[in-house]
Protein backbone atom coordinates (compact mmCIF):
# COMPACT_ATOMS: atom_id res chain seq x y z
CA MET A 1 95.19 96.01 132.23
CA ARG A 2 98.22 97.79 130.78
CA PHE A 3 97.89 95.80 127.57
CA LEU A 4 94.22 96.79 127.22
CA LYS A 5 95.05 100.43 127.69
CA ALA A 6 97.87 100.19 125.15
CA ALA A 7 95.55 98.52 122.63
CA GLY A 8 92.94 101.19 123.19
CA GLY A 9 95.53 103.92 122.73
CA LEU A 10 96.75 102.24 119.51
CA LYS A 11 93.24 102.20 118.09
CA THR A 12 92.67 105.87 118.87
CA ALA A 13 96.03 106.88 117.47
CA GLY A 14 95.40 104.89 114.32
CA VAL A 15 92.01 106.57 113.72
CA PHE A 16 93.48 110.09 114.27
CA ILE A 17 96.45 109.39 111.89
CA LEU A 18 94.12 108.18 109.18
CA LEU A 19 91.82 111.16 109.55
CA PHE A 20 94.81 113.54 109.57
CA LEU A 21 96.21 112.01 106.35
CA CYS A 22 92.83 112.28 104.60
CA LEU A 23 92.59 115.94 105.70
CA VAL A 24 96.06 116.71 104.33
CA ILE A 25 95.27 115.09 101.03
CA TYR A 26 91.95 116.99 100.80
CA MET A 27 93.63 120.31 101.50
CA ILE A 28 96.27 119.66 98.84
CA ASN A 29 93.74 118.42 96.25
CA PRO A 30 90.04 118.85 97.19
CA SER A 31 88.84 116.85 94.20
CA PHE A 32 91.21 113.90 94.80
CA PHE A 33 88.78 111.59 96.67
CA SER A 34 85.78 112.27 94.39
CA THR A 35 87.87 111.68 91.24
CA LEU A 36 89.54 108.59 92.64
CA GLY A 37 86.23 107.17 93.77
CA SER A 38 84.52 107.65 90.40
CA VAL A 39 87.48 106.08 88.58
CA LEU A 40 87.66 103.04 90.82
CA LEU A 41 83.90 102.44 91.02
CA SER A 42 83.70 102.61 87.22
CA GLY A 43 85.49 99.29 87.04
CA ASN A 44 86.98 100.35 83.71
CA ILE A 45 90.56 99.02 83.54
CA LYS A 46 91.52 101.45 80.74
CA GLU A 47 90.23 104.43 82.70
CA ILE A 48 92.08 103.26 85.83
CA THR A 49 95.26 102.83 83.78
CA ARG A 50 94.99 106.36 82.39
CA TYR A 51 94.39 107.81 85.80
CA ILE A 52 97.44 106.08 87.29
CA ASP A 53 99.54 107.17 84.31
CA SER A 54 98.48 110.79 84.85
CA PHE A 55 100.73 110.90 87.93
CA GLY A 56 103.81 110.81 85.68
CA ASN A 57 107.01 109.90 87.47
CA ALA A 58 105.09 109.18 90.63
CA ALA A 59 102.74 106.74 88.88
CA MET A 60 104.42 103.66 90.22
CA LEU A 61 104.47 104.89 93.81
CA PHE A 62 100.84 106.00 93.53
CA SER A 63 99.86 102.61 92.08
CA PHE A 64 101.64 100.82 94.92
CA LEU A 65 99.76 102.90 97.54
CA LEU A 66 96.52 102.41 95.63
CA VAL A 67 96.84 98.61 95.64
CA VAL A 68 97.81 98.64 99.33
CA ILE A 69 94.66 100.61 100.17
CA ALA A 70 92.49 98.44 97.88
CA ASN A 71 93.71 95.32 99.61
CA MET A 72 93.15 96.88 103.03
CA LEU A 73 89.55 97.68 102.11
CA GLY A 74 89.16 94.34 100.39
CA PHE A 75 86.08 95.02 98.19
CA LEU A 76 87.81 96.24 94.98
CA PRO A 77 88.82 93.45 92.53
CA ALA A 78 92.63 93.02 92.47
CA ILE A 79 92.51 92.26 88.71
CA LEU A 80 91.76 95.89 88.01
CA PHE A 81 95.08 97.07 89.46
CA SER A 82 97.29 94.14 88.48
CA THR A 83 96.09 94.49 84.87
CA ALA A 84 96.65 98.27 84.93
CA ASN A 85 100.15 97.82 86.35
CA VAL A 86 101.10 95.25 83.73
CA MET A 87 99.80 97.48 80.94
CA LEU A 88 101.62 100.55 82.28
CA PHE A 89 104.98 99.15 83.61
CA GLY A 90 105.43 95.92 81.71
CA ILE A 91 104.67 92.33 82.61
CA ILE A 92 107.43 91.53 85.11
CA PRO A 93 107.60 94.97 86.88
CA GLY A 94 103.80 95.19 86.92
CA ILE A 95 103.34 91.75 88.47
CA ILE A 96 106.05 92.36 91.08
CA LEU A 97 104.62 95.74 91.98
CA SER A 98 101.07 94.33 92.32
CA TRP A 99 102.23 91.28 94.25
CA LEU A 100 104.25 93.19 96.86
CA ALA A 101 101.61 95.90 97.26
CA GLU A 102 98.92 93.27 97.76
CA VAL A 103 100.99 91.54 100.43
CA VAL A 104 101.63 94.81 102.26
CA GLY A 105 97.93 95.74 102.09
CA ALA A 106 96.81 92.33 103.33
CA THR A 107 99.30 92.50 106.22
CA VAL A 108 98.25 95.98 107.31
CA ALA A 109 94.56 94.95 107.16
CA PHE A 110 95.39 91.84 109.21
CA LEU A 111 97.12 93.87 111.91
CA LEU A 112 94.35 96.48 112.07
CA MET A 113 91.51 93.96 112.20
CA ARG A 114 93.26 91.76 114.72
CA THR A 115 93.86 94.78 116.95
CA PHE A 116 90.25 96.01 116.67
CA PHE A 117 88.17 92.83 116.34
CA ARG A 118 90.03 89.77 117.65
CA SER A 119 88.87 90.33 121.24
CA SER A 120 85.25 90.65 120.10
CA ALA A 121 85.61 87.54 117.95
CA GLU A 122 87.04 85.55 120.84
CA LYS A 123 83.89 86.21 122.90
CA LEU A 124 81.70 85.09 120.05
CA ILE A 125 83.80 82.01 119.34
CA ALA A 126 83.80 80.98 123.04
CA ARG A 127 80.00 80.67 122.97
CA ASN A 128 80.00 78.11 120.14
CA SER A 129 81.75 74.74 120.37
CA CYS A 130 81.95 74.36 116.57
CA LEU A 131 83.59 77.78 116.17
CA THR A 132 85.96 76.92 119.02
CA LYS A 133 87.15 73.78 117.16
CA ILE A 134 87.65 75.71 113.93
CA ASP A 135 89.52 78.45 115.77
CA ASN A 136 91.80 75.95 117.48
CA SER A 137 92.54 74.12 114.20
CA SER A 138 93.47 77.47 112.58
CA ASN A 139 96.50 77.64 114.87
CA ALA A 140 97.90 74.34 113.62
CA ASN A 141 96.65 74.41 109.98
CA GLY A 142 96.36 78.12 109.37
CA PHE A 143 99.43 78.42 107.19
CA GLN A 144 98.35 75.71 104.81
CA ALA A 145 94.78 76.91 104.58
CA MET A 146 95.79 80.54 104.01
CA LEU A 147 98.41 79.53 101.44
CA ILE A 148 95.88 77.58 99.36
CA ALA A 149 93.23 80.34 99.66
CA ARG A 150 95.66 83.08 98.60
CA ALA A 151 96.84 81.01 95.61
CA ILE A 152 93.33 80.85 94.17
CA PRO A 153 92.62 83.85 91.87
CA TYR A 154 89.67 86.15 92.26
CA ILE A 155 88.92 85.34 95.92
CA PRO A 156 88.06 88.67 97.63
CA SER A 157 91.05 89.78 99.70
CA GLY A 158 88.83 91.30 102.36
CA VAL A 159 87.34 87.92 103.21
CA LEU A 160 90.72 86.28 103.70
CA ASN A 161 92.03 89.30 105.62
CA ALA A 162 89.06 89.06 108.06
CA LEU A 163 89.26 85.29 108.44
CA GLY A 164 92.98 85.51 109.19
CA ALA A 165 92.49 88.29 111.68
CA ILE A 166 89.90 86.57 113.78
CA SER A 167 91.69 83.19 113.64
CA LYS A 168 94.70 82.03 115.68
CA ILE A 169 97.12 82.03 112.79
CA SER A 170 100.36 83.70 113.71
CA LEU A 171 101.52 86.92 112.03
CA ARG A 172 104.56 85.08 110.62
CA ASP A 173 102.51 82.28 109.09
CA TYR A 174 99.94 84.75 107.74
CA VAL A 175 102.54 86.96 106.01
CA LEU A 176 104.48 83.97 104.64
CA ALA A 177 101.36 82.26 103.32
CA THR A 178 100.18 85.54 101.78
CA LEU A 179 103.60 86.20 100.24
CA LEU A 180 103.85 82.74 98.64
CA GLY A 181 100.16 82.37 97.78
CA LYS A 182 99.64 85.79 96.29
CA LEU A 183 102.31 85.36 93.62
CA PRO A 184 100.57 82.74 91.43
CA SER A 185 97.18 84.34 91.85
CA THR A 186 98.57 87.79 90.91
CA VAL A 187 100.26 86.34 87.86
CA VAL A 188 97.01 84.70 86.68
CA GLU A 189 94.91 87.76 87.30
CA ALA A 190 97.33 90.13 85.62
CA MET A 191 97.83 87.96 82.55
CA MET A 192 94.16 87.14 82.17
CA GLY A 193 93.31 90.83 82.40
CA ARG A 194 96.09 91.86 79.98
CA TYR A 195 95.09 89.35 77.35
CA ALA A 196 91.40 90.16 77.76
CA LEU A 197 92.28 93.77 76.78
CA THR A 198 94.49 92.71 73.87
CA ILE A 199 92.56 89.69 72.74
CA HIS A 200 91.90 91.20 69.30
CA THR A 201 95.62 91.21 68.58
CA ASN A 202 96.67 88.15 70.55
CA SER A 203 93.58 85.95 70.23
CA LEU A 204 95.37 82.62 69.67
CA ARG A 205 97.97 83.22 72.41
CA ALA A 206 95.27 84.40 74.84
CA ALA A 207 93.11 81.34 74.12
CA PHE A 208 96.07 79.07 74.65
CA ILE A 209 96.96 80.68 77.98
CA ILE A 210 93.33 80.62 79.20
CA VAL A 211 92.95 76.94 78.29
CA THR A 212 96.31 76.06 79.86
CA ILE A 213 95.48 77.85 83.15
CA GLY A 214 92.08 76.16 83.20
CA LEU A 215 93.59 72.74 82.67
CA VAL A 216 96.25 73.25 85.38
CA TYR A 217 93.74 74.42 87.96
CA GLY A 218 91.37 71.61 86.93
CA ALA A 219 94.15 69.06 87.39
CA ILE A 220 95.05 70.42 90.84
CA ARG A 221 91.41 70.30 92.01
CA PHE A 222 90.98 66.77 90.59
CA TYR A 223 94.16 65.61 92.41
CA LYS A 224 93.09 67.16 95.72
CA ARG A 225 89.59 65.72 95.49
CA ASN A 226 90.94 62.22 94.75
CA LYS A 227 93.51 62.50 97.51
CA ALA A 228 90.91 63.55 100.05
CA LYS A 229 88.57 60.70 98.89
CA ASN A 230 91.38 58.13 99.21
CA GLU A 231 92.34 59.36 102.66
CA ASN A 232 88.72 59.16 103.78
CA THR A 233 88.45 55.63 102.40
CA PHE A 234 91.62 54.44 104.17
CA SER A 235 90.53 56.03 107.41
CA GLN A 236 87.33 53.97 107.33
CA LEU A 237 89.11 50.62 106.85
CA PRO A 238 89.29 48.42 109.92
């Protein structure tokens, strides 16, 4: 009973803190949310890059917070921000900034959704035997599944955040899998976006990188498919 009251208090406090922060931002800059919304929804990487750069010395901090929020919401493509960061701050700093911010955003989203929705999800799962089996397996295989999913570029972060939150994966396994898996996917997204913008000056190098990435991922998928097929074949032997 005390735990339920504490969880309810945490939810209420979280909502009030979020509303208070939004109110403070609006009072400081009334046009902030409308401008930010129009820039983000435009999907124009160059426009997003210019907007982040307009914050001057605070551009890196603003970009970090922006990526955190984007990953919490989960519906904005990560490639927009990772590309903008690489264009603004350089390849290595931009990738590291995007990677860490995405991990923080995914972790915060996981904690919020697990606090708000896990109890409701448990009731739904309990009514279905298939969902119960999947939920139980997520406790044992959650790290591996989340690691592989996070390593694949362009998968919407919001989907993985939600799946992790309603599963039985531990916070430690979730954070570690996200930390390790997000690095390669962030690198691929950032570099693909960067070379897409500069393809007119780096066409040969961009083509080489795109083909190489495609071959590597193709080889990984081929290996996994053959491995699964062989394991299935051996399991059927008498």
